[in-house]
Each structure stands twice: as structure tokens, then as C-alpha cells.
C-alpha atoms as a PDB file:
ATOM      1  CA  MET A   1     -94.713 -31.975   5.184  1.00  0.00           C
ATOM      2  CA  ALA A   2     -95.216 -31.355   8.903  1.00  0.00           C
ATOM      3  CA  GLN A   3     -92.302 -31.628  11.272  1.00  0.00           C
ATOM      4  CA  THR A   4     -92.248 -34.910  13.199  1.00  0.00           C
ATOM      5  CA  ALA A   5     -91.395 -35.639  16.829  1.00  0.00           C
ATOM      6  CA  MET A   6     -90.245 -38.753  18.671  1.00  0.00           C
ATOM      7  CA  LEU A   7     -92.370 -40.533  21.269  1.00  0.00           C
ATOM      8  CA  HIS A   8     -90.604 -42.953  23.615  1.00  0.00           C
ATOM      9  CA  VAL A   9     -92.692 -45.614  25.379  1.00  0.00           C
ATOM     10  CA  ARG A  10     -91.624 -48.270  27.884  1.00  0.00           C
ATOM     11  CA  LEU A  11     -93.343 -51.659  27.583  1.00  0.00           C
ATOM     12  CA  ASP A  12     -92.903 -55.066  29.128  1.00  0.00           C
ATOM     13  CA  ASP A  13     -90.745 -57.137  26.718  1.00  0.00           C
ATOM     14  CA  GLU A  14     -93.336 -59.902  26.393  1.00  0.00           C
ATOM     15  CA  ILE A  15     -96.215 -57.492  25.706  1.00  0.00           C
ATOM     16  CA  LYS A  16     -94.083 -55.681  23.120  1.00  0.00           C
ATOM     17  CA  ALA A  17     -93.183 -58.909  21.316  1.00  0.00           C
ATOM     18  CA  LYS A  18     -96.763 -60.206  21.312  1.00  0.00           C
ATOM     19  CA  GLY A  19     -98.130 -56.821  20.274  1.00  0.00           C
ATOM     20  CA  ASN A  20     -95.602 -56.456  17.464  1.00  0.00           C
ATOM     21  CA  ALA A  21     -96.434 -59.960  16.215  1.00  0.00           C
ATOM     22  CA  ALA A  22    -100.171 -59.182  16.191  1.00  0.00           C
ATOM     23  CA  LEU A  23     -99.566 -55.868  14.436  1.00  0.00           C
ATOM     24  CA  ALA A  24     -97.298 -57.513  11.870  1.00  0.00           C
ATOM     25  CA  ALA A  25    -100.057 -60.013  11.088  1.00  0.00           C
ATOM     26  CA  MET A  26    -102.260 -56.976  10.320  1.00  0.00           C
ATOM     27  CA  GLY A  27     -99.542 -55.423   8.174  1.00  0.00           C
ATOM     28  CA  LEU A  28     -98.787 -52.690  10.725  1.00  0.00           C
ATOM     29  CA  SER A  29     -95.746 -51.629  12.689  1.00  0.00           C
ATOM     30  CA  ALA A  30     -95.788 -50.361  16.266  1.00  0.00           C
ATOM     31  CA  ALA A  31     -95.214 -46.845  14.911  1.00  0.00           C
ATOM     32  CA  ASP A  32     -98.201 -47.263  12.557  1.00  0.00           C
ATOM     33  CA  ALA A  33    -100.381 -48.326  15.499  1.00  0.00           C
ATOM     34  CA  VAL A  34     -99.343 -45.340  17.610  1.00  0.00           C
ATOM     35  CA  ARG A  35     -99.976 -42.956  14.698  1.00  0.00           C
ATOM     36  CA  LEU A  36    -103.433 -44.497  14.189  1.00  0.00           C
ATOM     37  CA  LEU A  37    -104.179 -44.158  17.902  1.00  0.00           C
ATOM     38  CA  TYR A  38    -103.203 -40.490  17.925  1.00  0.00           C
ATOM     39  CA  HIS A  39    -105.198 -39.764  14.748  1.00  0.00           C
ATOM     40  CA  ARG A  40    -108.303 -41.286  16.368  1.00  0.00           C
ATOM     41  CA  ILE A  41    -107.747 -39.312  19.578  1.00  0.00           C
ATOM     42  CA  VAL A  42    -107.478 -36.082  17.580  1.00  0.00           C
ATOM     43  CA  ALA A  43    -110.497 -36.880  15.384  1.00  0.00           C
ATOM     44  CA  GLU A  44    -112.763 -37.989  18.244  1.00  0.00           C
ATOM     45  CA  GLN A  45    -111.315 -35.790  20.999  1.00  0.00           C
ATOM     46  CA  ALA A  46    -111.543 -38.904  23.179  1.00  0.00           C
ATOM     47  CA  PHE A  47    -109.665 -42.106  23.834  1.00  0.00           C
ATOM     48  CA  PRO A  48    -110.921 -44.576  21.200  1.00  0.00           C
ATOM     49  CA  LEU A  49    -111.411 -47.423  23.668  1.00  0.00           C
ATOM     50  CA  GLU A  50    -114.015 -47.586  26.384  1.00  0.00           C
ATOM     51  CA  LEU A  51    -112.226 -47.484  29.723  1.00  0.00           C
ATOM     52  CA  LYS A  52    -114.196 -48.344  32.839  1.00  0.00           C
ATOM     53  CA  VAL A  53    -113.482 -49.117  36.444  1.00  0.00           C
ATOM     54  CA  PRO A  54    -114.697 -52.683  37.009  1.00  0.00           C
ATOM     55  CA  ASN A  55    -117.750 -53.037  39.252  1.00  0.00           C
ATOM     56  CA  ALA A  56    -117.794 -55.277  42.343  1.00  0.00           C
ATOM     57  CA  ASP A  57    -119.040 -58.364  40.425  1.00  0.00           C
ATOM     58  CA  THR A  58    -116.347 -57.967  37.773  1.00  0.00           C
ATOM     59  CA  ARG A  59    -113.619 -57.437  40.397  1.00  0.00           C
ATOM     60  CA  ALA A  60    -114.779 -60.597  42.211  1.00  0.00           C
ATOM     61  CA  ALA A  61    -114.735 -62.589  38.967  1.00  0.00           C
ATOM     62  CA  MET A  62    -111.244 -61.283  38.151  1.00  0.00           C
ATOM     63  CA  ALA A  63    -110.002 -62.214  41.638  1.00  0.00           C
ATOM     64  CA  GLU A  64    -111.535 -65.682  41.286  1.00  0.00           C
ATOM     65  CA  ALA A  65    -109.843 -66.163  37.900  1.00  0.00           C
ATOM     66  CA  ASP A  66    -106.495 -65.041  39.355  1.00  0.00           C
ATOM     67  CA  ALA A  67    -106.899 -67.501  42.251  1.00  0.00           C
ATOM     68  CA  ILE A  68    -107.760 -70.355  39.885  1.00  0.00           C
ATOM     69  CA  LEU A  69    -104.663 -69.603  37.818  1.00  0.00           C
ATOM     70  CA  ALA A  70    -102.450 -69.260  40.896  1.00  0.00           C
ATOM     71  CA  ASP A  71    -103.736 -72.485  42.445  1.00  0.00           C
ATOM     72  CA  ARG A  72    -103.820 -74.277  39.089  1.00  0.00           C
ATOM     73  CA  SER A  73    -107.237 -75.560  40.145  1.00  0.00           C
ATOM     74  CA  ALA A  74    -110.685 -75.620  38.624  1.00  0.00           C
ATOM     75  CA  ARG A  75    -113.890 -74.155  40.036  1.00  0.00           C
ATOM     76  CA  PHE A  76    -115.888 -77.229  39.021  1.00  0.00           C
ATOM     77  CA  ALA A  77    -115.028 -80.913  39.216  1.00  0.00           C
ATOM     78  CA  ASP A  78    -116.460 -81.560  35.749  1.00  0.00           C
ATOM     79  CA  GLY A  79    -118.702 -80.177  33.022  1.00  0.00           C
ATOM     80  CA  LYS A  80    -121.879 -81.507  34.644  1.00  0.00           C
ATOM     81  CA  ALA A  81    -121.142 -79.578  37.836  1.00  0.00           C
ATOM     82  CA  MET A  82    -120.582 -76.428  35.809  1.00  0.00           C
ATOM     83  CA  ILE A  83    -123.884 -76.835  33.930  1.00  0.00           C
ATOM     84  CA  ALA A  84    -125.706 -77.547  37.203  1.00  0.00           C
ATOM     85  CA  ASP A  85    -124.326 -74.302  38.631  1.00  0.00           C
ATOM     86  CA  LEU A  86    -125.477 -72.389  35.553  1.00  0.00           C
ATOM     87  CA  ASP A  87    -128.976 -73.887  35.862  1.00  0.00           C
ATOM     88  CA  GLY A  88    -128.851 -73.163  39.563  1.00  0.00           C
END
């Protein structure tokens, strides 16, 4: 058997708890997930997720969503206004 090494990772407590719960529901531990990630990186010689820098439209939408959450407000007064904007 190959020699093993430790990998130490710092995560936000909430992200760790939510991630561990999701992994547990899949029957995996955090260590299992990291091993799977590394196996995929080695096999594909690439990161197994598509990582992109958001374009201007996406950044604007993200900023709008953040503002809505911060203000606890809605972009539309009701569903009809939202549909009218979509038809727009």
C-alpha cells in the first residue's frame, strides 16, 4: 500500500457543517470527497469543475441579488409585474 500524507484545509464552520451533511447523505465523508477530487484531478489533469470569471451581465445580476437580499426587498411588486418584464 502507498504511503499516505495529511492535508489540512481551513473552512468556514457553516460551510463545513453543511458540506459534511450533504456528503453524509451521499454516504461519503469529507476525506472521501477530497480523495475523489484528487483522483479526478490526476485522471483528467484538470480541475473537474468548470471555473469561469463571470461576465458583466452575470456580475450585474449577482450584485442585484446581493442588494435584494441586503435590502430584504423584491425587484417586482407582484407576479404580474415580473411576467410583464419578461414579456417586455
